[in-house]
Amino acid sequence: MKLLLLLLLALELTLVCVHAEGETSAMGENFNPRKIEGKWYSVGLASDKREMIEEDGSMRVFVEDIHVFKNSSLAFKFHTKAFSKVRDKNDGYNKFTMLDTDYDGYIIFHLRNVHNGETFQLMEIYGRKQDLSSKIKEKFVELCKKHGIVEENILDLTEADRCLQARDGGKA
């Protein structure tokens, strides 16, 4: 199956600014966005609307890499097994926050979308490798709970078909 490569997340996350801003980020003033550039793997996904992240859900995408522009804006390259709709500019307001990273191992993002008075949250954890330690995964679970996402809406993607064979040039 041919992979569909996305240059934007379904919620127009092609260019977002990730400046450390106290309340909105746990990164602090020493945050260096250049250090998050490069290859990543989707390890976990969570949402307060589970249908969004289940198989065939509109937010069931897998990261390949992150590019950082000179102004610290980010571009994400994603792939998915199947994708039926790319959302348009009328899909509301998005607040995108980087919650935690160690640059070399993992990164955790939080997205809050508001559209027509309705909201949903999405949280993602990426790893530089295809899996992460149970300690880091537990940190992700605790951050999800802190944001009101129940544990049954937190998915471990390490066993999901992420089409790694095609992504990594034929390697499983």
N, C-alpha and C. Protein backbone atom coordinates (compact mmCIF):
# COMPACT_ATOMS: atom_id res chain seq x y z
N MET A 1 0.84 -1.18 0.00
CA MET A 1 0.00 0.00 0.00
C MET A 1 0.89 1.25 0.00
N LYS A 2 0.60 2.12 -0.89
CA LYS A 2 1.37 3.36 -0.99
C LYS A 2 1.06 4.26 0.20
N LEU A 3 2.10 4.80 0.81
CA LEU A 3 1.90 5.68 1.97
C LEU A 3 1.50 7.08 1.54
N LEU A 4 0.60 7.63 2.30
CA LEU A 4 0.21 9.01 2.08
C LEU A 4 1.06 9.87 3.00
N LEU A 5 1.92 10.72 2.43
CA LEU A 5 2.77 11.58 3.23
C LEU A 5 2.07 12.91 3.45
N LEU A 6 1.98 13.31 4.67
CA LEU A 6 1.32 14.57 4.99
C LEU A 6 2.35 15.59 5.45
N LEU A 7 2.25 16.79 4.95
CA LEU A 7 3.10 17.86 5.43
C LEU A 7 2.40 18.72 6.47
N LEU A 8 1.17 18.34 6.77
CA LEU A 8 0.49 19.03 7.84
C LEU A 8 -0.40 18.06 8.57
N LEU A 9 -0.48 18.26 9.84
CA LEU A 9 -1.40 17.49 10.66
C LEU A 9 -2.80 17.96 10.31
N ALA A 10 -3.78 17.14 10.53
CA ALA A 10 -5.14 17.47 10.13
C ALA A 10 -5.62 18.80 10.72
N LEU A 11 -4.93 19.32 11.66
CA LEU A 11 -5.32 20.59 12.26
C LEU A 11 -4.33 21.70 11.95
N GLU A 12 -3.74 21.66 10.75
CA GLU A 12 -2.88 22.71 10.25
C GLU A 12 -1.70 23.00 11.16
N LEU A 13 -0.99 21.95 11.55
CA LEU A 13 0.18 22.14 12.41
C LEU A 13 1.46 22.26 11.60
N THR A 14 1.35 22.62 10.35
CA THR A 14 2.53 22.74 9.53
C THR A 14 3.51 23.75 10.12
N LEU A 15 3.00 24.90 10.47
CA LEU A 15 3.86 25.91 11.07
C LEU A 15 3.26 26.34 12.40
N VAL A 16 3.92 25.98 13.46
CA VAL A 16 3.51 26.44 14.77
C VAL A 16 4.73 26.91 15.52
N CYS A 17 4.55 27.88 16.33
CA CYS A 17 5.67 28.43 17.08
C CYS A 17 5.73 27.75 18.43
N VAL A 18 6.91 27.31 18.83
CA VAL A 18 7.07 26.62 20.09
C VAL A 18 8.09 27.39 20.93
N HIS A 19 7.70 28.55 21.37
CA HIS A 19 8.55 29.33 22.26
C HIS A 19 8.19 28.96 23.69
N ALA A 20 9.19 28.88 24.54
CA ALA A 20 8.91 28.60 25.94
C ALA A 20 8.24 29.83 26.55
N GLU A 21 7.03 29.64 27.09
CA GLU A 21 6.25 30.76 27.60
C GLU A 21 5.69 30.47 28.97
N GLY A 22 6.48 29.98 29.88
CA GLY A 22 6.02 29.78 31.25
C GLY A 22 4.82 28.88 31.35
N GLU A 23 3.62 29.45 31.36
CA GLU A 23 2.37 28.70 31.54
C GLU A 23 2.11 27.69 30.44
N THR A 24 2.49 28.01 29.21
CA THR A 24 2.13 27.14 28.10
C THR A 24 3.18 26.08 27.80
N SER A 25 4.33 26.13 28.44
CA SER A 25 5.36 25.16 28.14
C SER A 25 6.18 24.85 29.37
N ALA A 26 6.60 23.60 29.49
CA ALA A 26 7.46 23.19 30.59
C ALA A 26 8.93 23.28 30.20
N MET A 27 9.22 23.89 29.06
CA MET A 27 10.57 23.87 28.52
C MET A 27 11.51 24.87 29.18
N GLY A 28 11.02 25.98 29.68
CA GLY A 28 11.87 26.96 30.33
C GLY A 28 12.69 27.77 29.35
N GLU A 29 13.47 28.68 29.88
CA GLU A 29 14.21 29.60 29.01
C GLU A 29 15.40 28.96 28.32
N ASN A 30 15.84 27.79 28.74
CA ASN A 30 16.96 27.12 28.09
C ASN A 30 16.54 26.22 26.93
N PHE A 31 15.27 26.26 26.58
CA PHE A 31 14.77 25.42 25.50
C PHE A 31 15.45 25.77 24.18
N ASN A 32 15.88 24.74 23.46
CA ASN A 32 16.54 24.93 22.17
C ASN A 32 15.76 24.15 21.10
N PRO A 33 14.91 24.85 20.32
CA PRO A 33 14.09 24.14 19.34
C PRO A 33 14.91 23.38 18.30
N ARG A 34 16.09 23.82 17.97
CA ARG A 34 16.92 23.13 16.97
C ARG A 34 17.21 21.68 17.39
N LYS A 35 17.25 21.42 18.69
CA LYS A 35 17.56 20.08 19.17
C LYS A 35 16.43 19.07 18.96
N ILE A 36 15.22 19.55 18.63
CA ILE A 36 14.12 18.60 18.38
C ILE A 36 14.00 18.25 16.91
N GLU A 37 14.82 18.87 16.08
CA GLU A 37 14.75 18.60 14.64
C GLU A 37 15.22 17.18 14.36
N GLY A 38 14.62 16.57 13.36
CA GLY A 38 15.08 15.26 12.91
C GLY A 38 14.03 14.18 12.96
N LYS A 39 14.50 12.96 12.92
CA LYS A 39 13.66 11.77 12.82
C LYS A 39 13.03 11.43 14.18
N TRP A 40 11.71 11.12 14.14
CA TRP A 40 10.97 10.71 15.33
C TRP A 40 10.01 9.59 14.96
N TYR A 41 9.57 8.85 15.98
CA TYR A 41 8.56 7.80 15.83
C TYR A 41 7.41 8.09 16.79
N SER A 42 6.18 7.88 16.35
CA SER A 42 5.02 7.99 17.23
C SER A 42 5.00 6.79 18.16
N VAL A 43 4.99 7.04 19.47
CA VAL A 43 5.00 5.98 20.47
C VAL A 43 3.67 5.90 21.19
N GLY A 44 3.04 7.06 21.44
CA GLY A 44 1.77 7.08 22.14
C GLY A 44 0.88 8.20 21.65
N LEU A 45 -0.41 7.99 21.81
CA LEU A 45 -1.40 8.93 21.33
C LEU A 45 -2.56 8.91 22.33
N ALA A 46 -3.11 10.08 22.63
CA ALA A 46 -4.23 10.15 23.58
C ALA A 46 -5.16 11.29 23.18
N SER A 47 -6.44 11.12 23.52
CA SER A 47 -7.41 12.17 23.23
C SER A 47 -8.61 12.02 24.15
N ASP A 48 -9.26 13.13 24.44
CA ASP A 48 -10.50 13.06 25.20
C ASP A 48 -11.66 12.61 24.30
N LYS A 49 -11.42 12.50 23.01
CA LYS A 49 -12.38 11.93 22.06
C LYS A 49 -11.70 10.75 21.37
N ARG A 50 -11.83 9.59 21.96
CA ARG A 50 -11.10 8.40 21.51
C ARG A 50 -11.30 8.09 20.02
N GLU A 51 -12.49 8.32 19.50
CA GLU A 51 -12.76 8.01 18.09
C GLU A 51 -11.80 8.75 17.15
N MET A 52 -11.25 9.85 17.59
CA MET A 52 -10.32 10.63 16.76
C MET A 52 -8.99 9.89 16.55
N ILE A 53 -8.61 9.03 17.51
CA ILE A 53 -7.29 8.39 17.46
C ILE A 53 -7.34 6.88 17.20
N GLU A 54 -8.55 6.33 17.15
CA GLU A 54 -8.66 4.91 16.86
C GLU A 54 -8.31 4.64 15.40
N GLU A 55 -8.18 3.38 15.05
CA GLU A 55 -7.94 2.98 13.66
C GLU A 55 -8.94 3.69 12.77
N ASP A 56 -8.45 4.31 11.71
CA ASP A 56 -9.25 5.09 10.76
C ASP A 56 -9.75 6.43 11.32
N GLY A 57 -9.33 6.83 12.52
CA GLY A 57 -9.68 8.13 13.06
C GLY A 57 -8.90 9.24 12.36
N SER A 58 -9.48 10.43 12.31
CA SER A 58 -8.85 11.53 11.57
C SER A 58 -7.53 11.99 12.17
N MET A 59 -7.26 11.67 13.43
CA MET A 59 -6.00 12.08 14.06
C MET A 59 -5.05 10.90 14.26
N ARG A 60 -5.31 9.79 13.61
CA ARG A 60 -4.45 8.61 13.71
C ARG A 60 -3.34 8.74 12.66
N VAL A 61 -2.37 9.59 12.97
CA VAL A 61 -1.24 9.82 12.07
C VAL A 61 0.05 9.48 12.81
N PHE A 62 1.10 9.23 12.04
CA PHE A 62 2.38 8.82 12.60
C PHE A 62 3.46 9.77 12.11
N VAL A 63 4.21 10.32 13.05
CA VAL A 63 5.25 11.28 12.71
C VAL A 63 6.44 10.59 12.06
N GLU A 64 7.08 11.28 11.13
CA GLU A 64 8.34 10.81 10.56
C GLU A 64 9.48 11.72 10.97
N ASP A 65 9.27 13.04 10.82
CA ASP A 65 10.31 13.95 11.27
C ASP A 65 9.74 15.33 11.54
N ILE A 66 10.56 16.11 12.23
CA ILE A 66 10.22 17.49 12.56
C ILE A 66 11.32 18.37 11.99
N HIS A 67 10.91 19.43 11.31
CA HIS A 67 11.85 20.42 10.78
C HIS A 67 11.62 21.73 11.54
N VAL A 68 12.70 22.38 11.94
CA VAL A 68 12.61 23.65 12.65
C VAL A 68 13.09 24.76 11.72
N PHE A 69 12.26 25.78 11.53
CA PHE A 69 12.61 26.93 10.71
C PHE A 69 13.38 27.96 11.53
N LYS A 70 13.97 28.93 10.87
CA LYS A 70 14.77 29.96 11.54
C LYS A 70 14.00 30.71 12.62
N ASN A 71 12.69 30.89 12.43
CA ASN A 71 11.89 31.61 13.41
C ASN A 71 11.33 30.70 14.51
N SER A 72 11.84 29.48 14.60
CA SER A 72 11.43 28.46 15.58
C SER A 72 10.07 27.85 15.29
N SER A 73 9.48 28.13 14.15
CA SER A 73 8.26 27.43 13.73
C SER A 73 8.63 26.01 13.34
N LEU A 74 7.65 25.13 13.40
CA LEU A 74 7.90 23.72 13.14
C LEU A 74 7.09 23.22 11.96
N ALA A 75 7.66 22.31 11.20
CA ALA A 75 6.94 21.57 10.16
C ALA A 75 7.04 20.10 10.53
N PHE A 76 5.91 19.42 10.51
CA PHE A 76 5.85 18.00 10.82
C PHE A 76 5.60 17.22 9.54
N LYS A 77 6.32 16.12 9.35
CA LYS A 77 6.04 15.20 8.26
C LYS A 77 5.40 13.97 8.88
N PHE A 78 4.16 13.65 8.45
CA PHE A 78 3.40 12.54 8.98
C PHE A 78 3.09 11.54 7.87
N HIS A 79 2.76 10.33 8.27
CA HIS A 79 2.19 9.36 7.35
C HIS A 79 1.04 8.66 8.07
N THR A 80 0.22 8.02 7.26
CA THR A 80 -0.93 7.30 7.79
C THR A 80 -1.23 6.14 6.86
N LYS A 81 -1.89 5.13 7.38
CA LYS A 81 -2.27 3.99 6.54
C LYS A 81 -3.39 4.37 5.59
N ALA A 82 -4.34 5.17 6.07
CA ALA A 82 -5.46 5.61 5.24
C ALA A 82 -5.90 6.96 5.77
N PHE A 83 -6.27 7.83 4.88
CA PHE A 83 -6.68 9.16 5.31
C PHE A 83 -7.76 9.65 4.38
N SER A 84 -8.90 9.97 4.90
CA SER A 84 -10.00 10.32 4.03
C SER A 84 -10.30 11.81 3.95
N LYS A 85 -9.83 12.59 4.91
CA LYS A 85 -10.18 14.00 4.90
C LYS A 85 -9.06 14.82 5.51
N VAL A 86 -8.64 15.85 4.80
CA VAL A 86 -7.74 16.84 5.38
C VAL A 86 -8.61 18.01 5.79
N ARG A 87 -8.50 18.41 7.01
CA ARG A 87 -9.38 19.46 7.51
C ARG A 87 -8.97 20.80 6.92
N ASP A 88 -9.95 21.68 6.79
CA ASP A 88 -9.68 22.96 6.16
C ASP A 88 -9.52 24.08 7.19
N LYS A 89 -9.30 25.28 6.70
CA LYS A 89 -9.01 26.43 7.55
C LYS A 89 -10.16 26.80 8.48
N ASN A 90 -11.34 26.28 8.24
CA ASN A 90 -12.48 26.61 9.07
C ASN A 90 -12.65 25.64 10.24
N ASP A 91 -11.61 24.88 10.55
CA ASP A 91 -11.73 23.88 11.59
C ASP A 91 -11.35 24.38 12.98
N GLY A 92 -11.43 25.67 13.20
CA GLY A 92 -11.30 26.20 14.55
C GLY A 92 -9.92 26.71 14.90
N TYR A 93 -9.75 26.88 16.19
CA TYR A 93 -8.53 27.43 16.77
C TYR A 93 -7.75 26.31 17.45
N ASN A 94 -6.44 26.30 17.25
CA ASN A 94 -5.58 25.28 17.85
C ASN A 94 -4.54 25.92 18.75
N LYS A 95 -4.39 25.36 19.93
CA LYS A 95 -3.30 25.75 20.82
C LYS A 95 -2.40 24.54 20.95
N PHE A 96 -1.17 24.67 20.50
CA PHE A 96 -0.22 23.59 20.42
C PHE A 96 0.92 23.87 21.39
N THR A 97 1.20 22.94 22.29
CA THR A 97 2.21 23.15 23.33
C THR A 97 3.13 21.94 23.43
N MET A 98 4.41 22.20 23.55
CA MET A 98 5.37 21.15 23.85
C MET A 98 5.47 21.08 25.37
N LEU A 99 5.14 19.93 25.95
CA LEU A 99 5.13 19.80 27.40
C LEU A 99 6.46 19.36 27.98
N ASP A 100 7.17 18.47 27.28
CA ASP A 100 8.41 17.94 27.85
C ASP A 100 9.25 17.30 26.76
N THR A 101 10.55 17.34 26.92
CA THR A 101 11.48 16.64 26.04
C THR A 101 12.82 16.50 26.72
N ASP A 102 13.57 15.50 26.30
CA ASP A 102 14.98 15.41 26.68
C ASP A 102 15.86 15.52 25.43
N TYR A 103 15.25 15.90 24.31
CA TYR A 103 15.85 16.10 23.00
C TYR A 103 16.33 14.81 22.33
N ASP A 104 17.01 13.95 23.06
CA ASP A 104 17.62 12.76 22.47
C ASP A 104 16.75 11.51 22.54
N GLY A 105 15.73 11.52 23.39
CA GLY A 105 14.94 10.32 23.57
C GLY A 105 13.47 10.47 23.26
N TYR A 106 12.83 11.51 23.82
CA TYR A 106 11.38 11.64 23.68
C TYR A 106 10.97 13.11 23.64
N ILE A 107 9.73 13.31 23.19
CA ILE A 107 9.11 14.64 23.19
C ILE A 107 7.61 14.44 23.36
N ILE A 108 6.97 15.29 24.17
CA ILE A 108 5.54 15.19 24.44
C ILE A 108 4.86 16.49 24.02
N PHE A 109 3.81 16.36 23.19
CA PHE A 109 3.05 17.51 22.71
C PHE A 109 1.60 17.43 23.19
N HIS A 110 0.99 18.59 23.36
CA HIS A 110 -0.42 18.71 23.72
C HIS A 110 -1.08 19.67 22.73
N LEU A 111 -2.22 19.28 22.19
CA LEU A 111 -2.99 20.12 21.29
C LEU A 111 -4.40 20.27 21.84
N ARG A 112 -4.89 21.49 21.82
CA ARG A 112 -6.28 21.75 22.19
C ARG A 112 -6.93 22.47 21.02
N ASN A 113 -8.02 21.90 20.49
CA ASN A 113 -8.74 22.47 19.37
C ASN A 113 -10.10 22.96 19.85
N VAL A 114 -10.46 24.17 19.43
CA VAL A 114 -11.78 24.72 19.73
C VAL A 114 -12.43 25.05 18.39
N HIS A 115 -13.63 24.51 18.19
CA HIS A 115 -14.35 24.73 16.94
C HIS A 115 -15.85 24.74 17.21
N ASN A 116 -16.50 25.84 16.86
CA ASN A 116 -17.94 25.98 17.07
C ASN A 116 -18.37 25.65 18.50
N GLY A 117 -17.59 26.09 19.47
CA GLY A 117 -17.92 25.86 20.87
C GLY A 117 -17.56 24.48 21.39
N GLU A 118 -17.11 23.60 20.52
CA GLU A 118 -16.69 22.24 20.92
C GLU A 118 -15.17 22.22 21.03
N THR A 119 -14.66 21.43 21.95
CA THR A 119 -13.21 21.29 22.09
C THR A 119 -12.83 19.82 22.08
N PHE A 120 -11.60 19.59 21.70
CA PHE A 120 -11.00 18.28 21.93
C PHE A 120 -9.52 18.47 22.17
N GLN A 121 -8.96 17.49 22.86
CA GLN A 121 -7.53 17.49 23.16
C GLN A 121 -6.87 16.30 22.50
N LEU A 122 -5.63 16.50 22.12
CA LEU A 122 -4.81 15.44 21.57
C LEU A 122 -3.44 15.54 22.23
N MET A 123 -2.93 14.42 22.68
CA MET A 123 -1.57 14.39 23.22
C MET A 123 -0.80 13.32 22.47
N GLU A 124 0.47 13.61 22.22
CA GLU A 124 1.33 12.69 21.49
C GLU A 124 2.68 12.59 22.17
N ILE A 125 3.24 11.39 22.15
CA ILE A 125 4.61 11.21 22.60
C ILE A 125 5.38 10.56 21.46
N TYR A 126 6.49 11.17 21.12
CA TYR A 126 7.36 10.68 20.06
C TYR A 126 8.68 10.24 20.69
N GLY A 127 9.31 9.25 20.06
CA GLY A 127 10.62 8.80 20.48
C GLY A 127 11.60 8.84 19.33
N ARG A 128 12.85 8.99 19.65
CA ARG A 128 13.90 8.91 18.62
C ARG A 128 14.04 7.46 18.14
N LYS A 129 13.61 6.52 18.99
CA LYS A 129 13.56 5.10 18.63
C LYS A 129 12.10 4.68 18.60
N GLN A 130 11.83 3.49 18.14
CA GLN A 130 10.45 3.02 17.96
C GLN A 130 9.71 2.74 19.27
N ASP A 131 10.43 2.67 20.38
CA ASP A 131 9.80 2.44 21.68
C ASP A 131 10.55 3.24 22.74
N LEU A 132 9.92 3.42 23.88
CA LEU A 132 10.50 4.16 25.00
C LEU A 132 10.40 3.34 26.27
N SER A 133 11.14 3.74 27.27
CA SER A 133 11.12 3.03 28.55
C SER A 133 9.75 3.17 29.21
N SER A 134 9.44 2.23 30.09
CA SER A 134 8.16 2.29 30.80
C SER A 134 8.09 3.54 31.68
N LYS A 135 9.21 4.02 32.17
CA LYS A 135 9.24 5.24 32.99
C LYS A 135 8.78 6.46 32.18
N ILE A 136 9.26 6.59 30.96
CA ILE A 136 8.87 7.71 30.09
C ILE A 136 7.40 7.57 29.68
N LYS A 137 6.98 6.34 29.37
CA LYS A 137 5.57 6.13 29.01
C LYS A 137 4.65 6.48 30.17
N GLU A 138 5.07 6.17 31.39
CA GLU A 138 4.26 6.50 32.57
C GLU A 138 4.17 8.01 32.75
N LYS A 139 5.26 8.71 32.45
CA LYS A 139 5.23 10.18 32.49
C LYS A 139 4.17 10.71 31.53
N PHE A 140 4.10 10.13 30.34
CA PHE A 140 3.10 10.51 29.35
C PHE A 140 1.69 10.27 29.89
N VAL A 141 1.46 9.11 30.47
CA VAL A 141 0.15 8.77 31.03
C VAL A 141 -0.24 9.78 32.11
N GLU A 142 0.69 10.13 32.98
CA GLU A 142 0.40 11.08 34.06
C GLU A 142 0.09 12.47 33.50
N LEU A 143 0.80 12.91 32.46
CA LEU A 143 0.50 14.20 31.83
C LEU A 143 -0.87 14.18 31.16
N CYS A 144 -1.21 13.05 30.55
CA CYS A 144 -2.54 12.92 29.94
C CYS A 144 -3.62 13.06 31.00
N LYS A 145 -3.47 12.35 32.11
CA LYS A 145 -4.45 12.42 33.20
C LYS A 145 -4.55 13.84 33.75
N LYS A 146 -3.40 14.51 33.87
CA LYS A 146 -3.38 15.89 34.36
C LYS A 146 -4.21 16.81 33.46
N HIS A 147 -4.27 16.49 32.18
CA HIS A 147 -5.05 17.28 31.22
C HIS A 147 -6.47 16.74 31.03
N GLY A 148 -6.87 15.80 31.88
CA GLY A 148 -8.25 15.33 31.85
C GLY A 148 -8.53 14.21 30.86
N ILE A 149 -7.51 13.57 30.35
CA ILE A 149 -7.70 12.45 29.43
C ILE A 149 -7.63 11.16 30.23
N VAL A 150 -8.69 10.36 30.15
CA VAL A 150 -8.76 9.13 30.93
C VAL A 150 -7.84 8.06 30.34
N GLU A 151 -7.39 7.16 31.19
CA GLU A 151 -6.39 6.17 30.79
C GLU A 151 -6.84 5.28 29.63
N GLU A 152 -8.13 4.97 29.54
CA GLU A 152 -8.59 4.13 28.43
C GLU A 152 -8.53 4.85 27.08
N ASN A 153 -8.28 6.14 27.08
CA ASN A 153 -8.13 6.91 25.84
C ASN A 153 -6.66 7.19 25.52
N ILE A 154 -5.77 6.43 26.13
CA ILE A 154 -4.33 6.56 25.88
C ILE A 154 -3.88 5.30 25.16
N LEU A 155 -3.36 5.47 23.95
CA LEU A 155 -2.96 4.34 23.13
C LEU A 155 -1.44 4.21 23.05
N ASP A 156 -0.95 3.00 23.24
CA ASP A 156 0.46 2.69 23.02
C ASP A 156 0.57 2.25 21.57
N LEU A 157 1.29 3.03 20.77
CA LEU A 157 1.38 2.76 19.34
C LEU A 157 2.54 1.84 18.96
N THR A 158 3.27 1.34 19.94
CA THR A 158 4.44 0.52 19.61
C THR A 158 4.06 -0.81 18.95
N GLU A 159 2.83 -1.25 19.16
CA GLU A 159 2.37 -2.49 18.53
C GLU A 159 1.48 -2.21 17.31
N ALA A 160 1.20 -0.95 17.04
CA ALA A 160 0.34 -0.58 15.89
C ALA A 160 1.13 -0.72 14.60
N ASP A 161 0.42 -0.96 13.52
CA ASP A 161 1.05 -1.00 12.19
C ASP A 161 1.34 0.43 11.77
N ARG A 162 2.60 0.81 11.92
CA ARG A 162 3.02 2.18 11.58
C ARG A 162 3.66 2.25 10.20
N CYS A 163 3.52 1.18 9.43
CA CYS A 163 4.08 1.12 8.08
C CYS A 163 5.57 1.42 8.10
N LEU A 164 6.28 0.87 9.08
CA LEU A 164 7.71 1.14 9.21
C LEU A 164 8.51 0.58 8.06
N GLN A 165 8.01 -0.48 7.44
CA GLN A 165 8.74 -1.07 6.32
C GLN A 165 8.90 -0.04 5.20
N ALA A 166 7.85 0.64 4.87
CA ALA A 166 7.91 1.64 3.80
C ALA A 166 8.67 2.89 4.26
N ARG A 167 8.44 3.28 5.49
CA ARG A 167 9.07 4.49 6.03
C ARG A 167 10.58 4.36 6.06
N ASP A 168 11.09 3.25 6.53
CA ASP A 168 12.52 3.08 6.73
C ASP A 168 13.20 2.35 5.57
N GLY A 169 12.68 2.50 4.38
CA GLY A 169 13.31 1.92 3.21
C GLY A 169 13.29 0.41 3.17
N GLY A 170 12.21 -0.18 3.68
CA GLY A 170 12.06 -1.63 3.60
C GLY A 170 12.45 -2.36 4.86
N LYS A 171 12.93 -1.66 5.87
CA LYS A 171 13.31 -2.31 7.13
C LYS A 171 12.11 -2.39 8.06
N ALA A 172 11.99 -3.50 8.75
CA ALA A 172 10.88 -3.66 9.71
C ALA A 172 11.21 -3.00 11.01
